[in-house]
Amino acid sequence: MRDFYEAFPHSAARLALAPTFSDHVEDVVLDADVLVRIALPTGARFVLFSFDGSFRARPGTATTPLALPSVSTSDGLGSELNPGGRRIPERLADGTTVPTHLCLRAPAACKGSLAFYA
């Protein structure tokens, strides 16, 4: 898997703002209001999301729930709406669980891709 950051003279990471094409891309089709869990590839540290519709995402495991919100919350357990790119955390919010999947759900059917980087 390609690195997200490339080495440049004097520790410059300018080109990380425009990474090379990933060599590990997952095509994803989301049906309306159906939870999809995508296994994280070994060594993945970053993911870039690109979808043709709105979607929600959160890191988790093969059993992590993700529902579309119907009310406001104040417990910090929500999901992110249309993230562009994220670093995959080493541990989930509980501080011990290692993430194994990205959990995705959309209010309407949409298609997209997940580009993973080391």
C-alpha atoms as a PDB file:
ATOM      1  CA  MET A   1       0.000   0.000   0.000  1.00  0.00           C
ATOM      2  CA  ARG A   2       1.313   3.454  -0.882  1.00  0.00           C
ATOM      3  CA  ASP A   3       2.223   5.920   1.850  1.00  0.00           C
ATOM      4  CA  PHE A   4       0.049   9.003   2.205  1.00  0.00           C
ATOM      5  CA  TYR A   5       3.102  11.124   3.018  1.00  0.00           C
ATOM      6  CA  GLU A   6       6.073  11.093   0.678  1.00  0.00           C
ATOM      7  CA  ALA A   7       9.604  11.973   1.749  1.00  0.00           C
ATOM      8  CA  PHE A   8      10.901  15.278   0.386  1.00  0.00           C
ATOM      9  CA  PRO A   9      13.994  17.345   1.160  1.00  0.00           C
ATOM     10  CA  HIS A  10      14.025  19.272   4.443  1.00  0.00           C
ATOM     11  CA  SER A  11      10.988  17.304   5.765  1.00  0.00           C
ATOM     12  CA  ALA A  12       8.617  19.133   3.413  1.00  0.00           C
ATOM     13  CA  ALA A  13       5.274  17.343   3.029  1.00  0.00           C
ATOM     14  CA  ARG A  14       3.825  19.707   0.422  1.00  0.00           C
ATOM     15  CA  LEU A  15       2.710  16.971  -1.934  1.00  0.00           C
ATOM     16  CA  ALA A  16       0.783  15.167   0.814  1.00  0.00           C
ATOM     17  CA  LEU A  17      -1.946  17.699   0.047  1.00  0.00           C
ATOM     18  CA  ALA A  18      -2.267  15.985  -3.334  1.00  0.00           C
ATOM     19  CA  PRO A  19      -1.391  12.326  -2.719  1.00  0.00           C
ATOM     20  CA  THR A  20      -0.698   9.916  -5.541  1.00  0.00           C
ATOM     21  CA  PHE A  21      -3.449   7.570  -6.660  1.00  0.00           C
ATOM     22  CA  SER A  22      -3.978   4.826  -4.101  1.00  0.00           C
ATOM     23  CA  ASP A  23      -3.095   1.257  -4.969  1.00  0.00           C
ATOM     24  CA  HIS A  24      -5.923   0.006  -2.710  1.00  0.00           C
ATOM     25  CA  VAL A  25      -9.363   1.388  -3.618  1.00  0.00           C
ATOM     26  CA  GLU A  26     -12.703  -0.146  -2.618  1.00  0.00           C
ATOM     27  CA  ASP A  27     -15.763   0.636  -4.729  1.00  0.00           C
ATOM     28  CA  VAL A  28     -18.809   0.962  -2.472  1.00  0.00           C
ATOM     29  CA  VAL A  29     -22.516   0.881  -3.319  1.00  0.00           C
ATOM     30  CA  LEU A  30     -24.786   2.013  -0.490  1.00  0.00           C
ATOM     31  CA  ASP A  31     -28.487   1.206  -0.585  1.00  0.00           C
ATOM     32  CA  ALA A  32     -30.832   3.603   1.211  1.00  0.00           C
ATOM     33  CA  ASP A  33     -30.589   3.270   5.007  1.00  0.00           C
ATOM     34  CA  VAL A  34     -28.586   0.015   4.930  1.00  0.00           C
ATOM     35  CA  LEU A  35     -25.494  -0.337   7.118  1.00  0.00           C
ATOM     36  CA  VAL A  36     -22.374  -1.458   5.241  1.00  0.00           C
ATOM     37  CA  ARG A  37     -19.154  -2.415   7.021  1.00  0.00           C
ATOM     38  CA  ILE A  38     -15.949  -2.337   4.970  1.00  0.00           C
ATOM     39  CA  ALA A  39     -12.980  -4.263   6.391  1.00  0.00           C
ATOM     40  CA  LEU A  40      -9.877  -2.123   6.853  1.00  0.00           C
ATOM     41  CA  PRO A  41      -6.959  -3.352   4.759  1.00  0.00           C
ATOM     42  CA  THR A  42      -3.852  -4.423   6.655  1.00  0.00           C
ATOM     43  CA  GLY A  43      -1.526  -1.469   7.148  1.00  0.00           C
ATOM     44  CA  ALA A  44      -4.122   1.202   6.293  1.00  0.00           C
ATOM     45  CA  ARG A  45      -3.595   4.449   8.248  1.00  0.00           C
ATOM     46  CA  PHE A  46      -5.535   6.917   6.093  1.00  0.00           C
ATOM     47  CA  VAL A  47      -8.699   6.783   4.001  1.00  0.00           C
ATOM     48  CA  LEU A  48     -10.081   9.245   1.449  1.00  0.00           C
ATOM     49  CA  PHE A  49     -13.853   9.101   0.886  1.00  0.00           C
ATOM     50  CA  SER A  50     -15.584  10.105  -2.355  1.00  0.00           C
ATOM     51  CA  PHE A  51     -19.336   9.572  -2.839  1.00  0.00           C
ATOM     52  CA  ASP A  52     -21.980  10.937  -5.185  1.00  0.00           C
ATOM     53  CA  GLY A  53     -24.459  11.447  -2.319  1.00  0.00           C
ATOM     54  CA  SER A  54     -24.582  12.131   1.400  1.00  0.00           C
ATOM     55  CA  PHE A  55     -23.424   9.376   3.729  1.00  0.00           C
ATOM     56  CA  ARG A  56     -22.410   8.827   7.341  1.00  0.00           C
ATOM     57  CA  ALA A  57     -19.209   7.115   8.494  1.00  0.00           C
ATOM     58  CA  ARG A  58     -17.497   5.976  11.671  1.00  0.00           C
ATOM     59  CA  PRO A  59     -14.655   3.566  12.422  1.00  0.00           C
ATOM     60  CA  GLY A  60     -15.630   0.412  14.260  1.00  0.00           C
ATOM     61  CA  THR A  61     -15.681  -3.367  14.204  1.00  0.00           C
ATOM     62  CA  ALA A  62     -17.734  -6.059  12.479  1.00  0.00           C
ATOM     63  CA  THR A  63     -20.503  -5.458  15.050  1.00  0.00           C
ATOM     64  CA  THR A  64     -20.474  -1.655  15.415  1.00  0.00           C
ATOM     65  CA  PRO A  65     -23.957  -0.166  14.929  1.00  0.00           C
ATOM     66  CA  LEU A  66     -24.547   2.977  12.902  1.00  0.00           C
ATOM     67  CA  ALA A  67     -28.029   4.429  12.562  1.00  0.00           C
ATOM     68  CA  LEU A  68     -29.033   7.535  10.675  1.00  0.00           C
ATOM     69  CA  PRO A  69     -29.797  10.264  13.198  1.00  0.00           C
ATOM     70  CA  SER A  70     -33.416  11.163  13.808  1.00  0.00           C
ATOM     71  CA  VAL A  71     -32.799  13.482  16.795  1.00  0.00           C
ATOM     72  CA  SER A  72     -29.938  15.575  18.115  1.00  0.00           C
ATOM     73  CA  THR A  73     -27.515  13.842  20.466  1.00  0.00           C
ATOM     74  CA  SER A  74     -25.205  14.999  23.226  1.00  0.00           C
ATOM     75  CA  ASP A  75     -23.315  11.792  24.069  1.00  0.00           C
ATOM     76  CA  GLY A  76     -20.520  12.094  21.476  1.00  0.00           C
ATOM     77  CA  LEU A  77     -21.432   8.786  19.816  1.00  0.00           C
ATOM     78  CA  GLY A  78     -22.634  10.214  16.506  1.00  0.00           C
ATOM     79  CA  SER A  79     -21.220   9.518  13.062  1.00  0.00           C
ATOM     80  CA  GLU A  80     -19.578  11.950  10.642  1.00  0.00           C
ATOM     81  CA  LEU A  81     -21.488  13.342   7.683  1.00  0.00           C
ATOM     82  CA  ASN A  82     -19.551  13.239   4.407  1.00  0.00           C
ATOM     83  CA  PRO A  83     -15.965  13.086   5.707  1.00  0.00           C
ATOM     84  CA  GLY A  84     -13.395  13.816   3.012  1.00  0.00           C
ATOM     85  CA  GLY A  85     -10.352  12.095   4.441  1.00  0.00           C
ATOM     86  CA  ARG A  86      -9.469  10.713   7.846  1.00  0.00           C
ATOM     87  CA  ARG A  87      -6.605   9.107   9.699  1.00  0.00           C
ATOM     88  CA  ILE A  88      -7.686   5.689  10.956  1.00  0.00           C
ATOM     89  CA  PRO A  89      -7.355   5.690  14.748  1.00  0.00           C
ATOM     90  CA  GLU A  90      -5.201   3.111  16.520  1.00  0.00           C
ATOM     91  CA  ARG A  91      -7.982   2.600  19.083  1.00  0.00           C
ATOM     92  CA  LEU A  92     -11.684   3.403  19.184  1.00  0.00           C
ATOM     93  CA  ALA A  93     -13.198   5.839  21.707  1.00  0.00           C
ATOM     94  CA  ASP A  94     -13.229   3.167  24.441  1.00  0.00           C
ATOM     95  CA  GLY A  95      -9.410   3.280  24.402  1.00  0.00           C
ATOM     96  CA  THR A  96      -8.897  -0.473  23.958  1.00  0.00           C
ATOM     97  CA  THR A  97     -10.727  -1.714  20.853  1.00  0.00           C
ATOM     98  CA  VAL A  98      -8.731  -1.760  17.615  1.00  0.00           C
ATOM     99  CA  PRO A  99     -10.846  -0.691  14.615  1.00  0.00           C
ATOM    100  CA  THR A 100     -11.311  -3.369  11.969  1.00  0.00           C
ATOM    101  CA  HIS A 101     -14.017  -1.827   9.775  1.00  0.00           C
ATOM    102  CA  LEU A 102     -15.428   1.422   8.451  1.00  0.00           C
ATOM    103  CA  CYS A 103     -19.167   1.608   9.043  1.00  0.00           C
ATOM    104  CA  LEU A 104     -21.136   3.468   6.357  1.00  0.00           C
ATOM    105  CA  ARG A 105     -24.806   4.357   5.916  1.00  0.00           C
ATOM    106  CA  ALA A 106     -26.647   6.716   3.562  1.00  0.00           C
ATOM    107  CA  PRO A 107     -30.190   8.114   3.663  1.00  0.00           C
ATOM    108  CA  ALA A 108     -30.525   7.573  -0.111  1.00  0.00           C
ATOM    109  CA  ALA A 109     -28.767   5.132  -2.406  1.00  0.00           C
ATOM    110  CA  CYS A 110     -25.358   6.337  -3.552  1.00  0.00           C
ATOM    111  CA  LYS A 111     -22.046   5.090  -4.902  1.00  0.00           C
ATOM    112  CA  GLY A 112     -18.508   5.944  -3.965  1.00  0.00           C
ATOM    113  CA  SER A 113     -14.976   4.859  -3.290  1.00  0.00           C
ATOM    114  CA  LEU A 114     -12.604   4.486  -0.374  1.00  0.00           C
ATOM    115  CA  ALA A 115      -8.927   5.103  -1.187  1.00  0.00           C
ATOM    116  CA  PHE A 116      -6.646   3.650   1.509  1.00  0.00           C
ATOM    117  CA  TYR A 117      -3.062   4.697   2.276  1.00  0.00           C
ATOM    118  CA  ALA A 118      -0.382   3.509   4.687  1.00  0.00           C
END
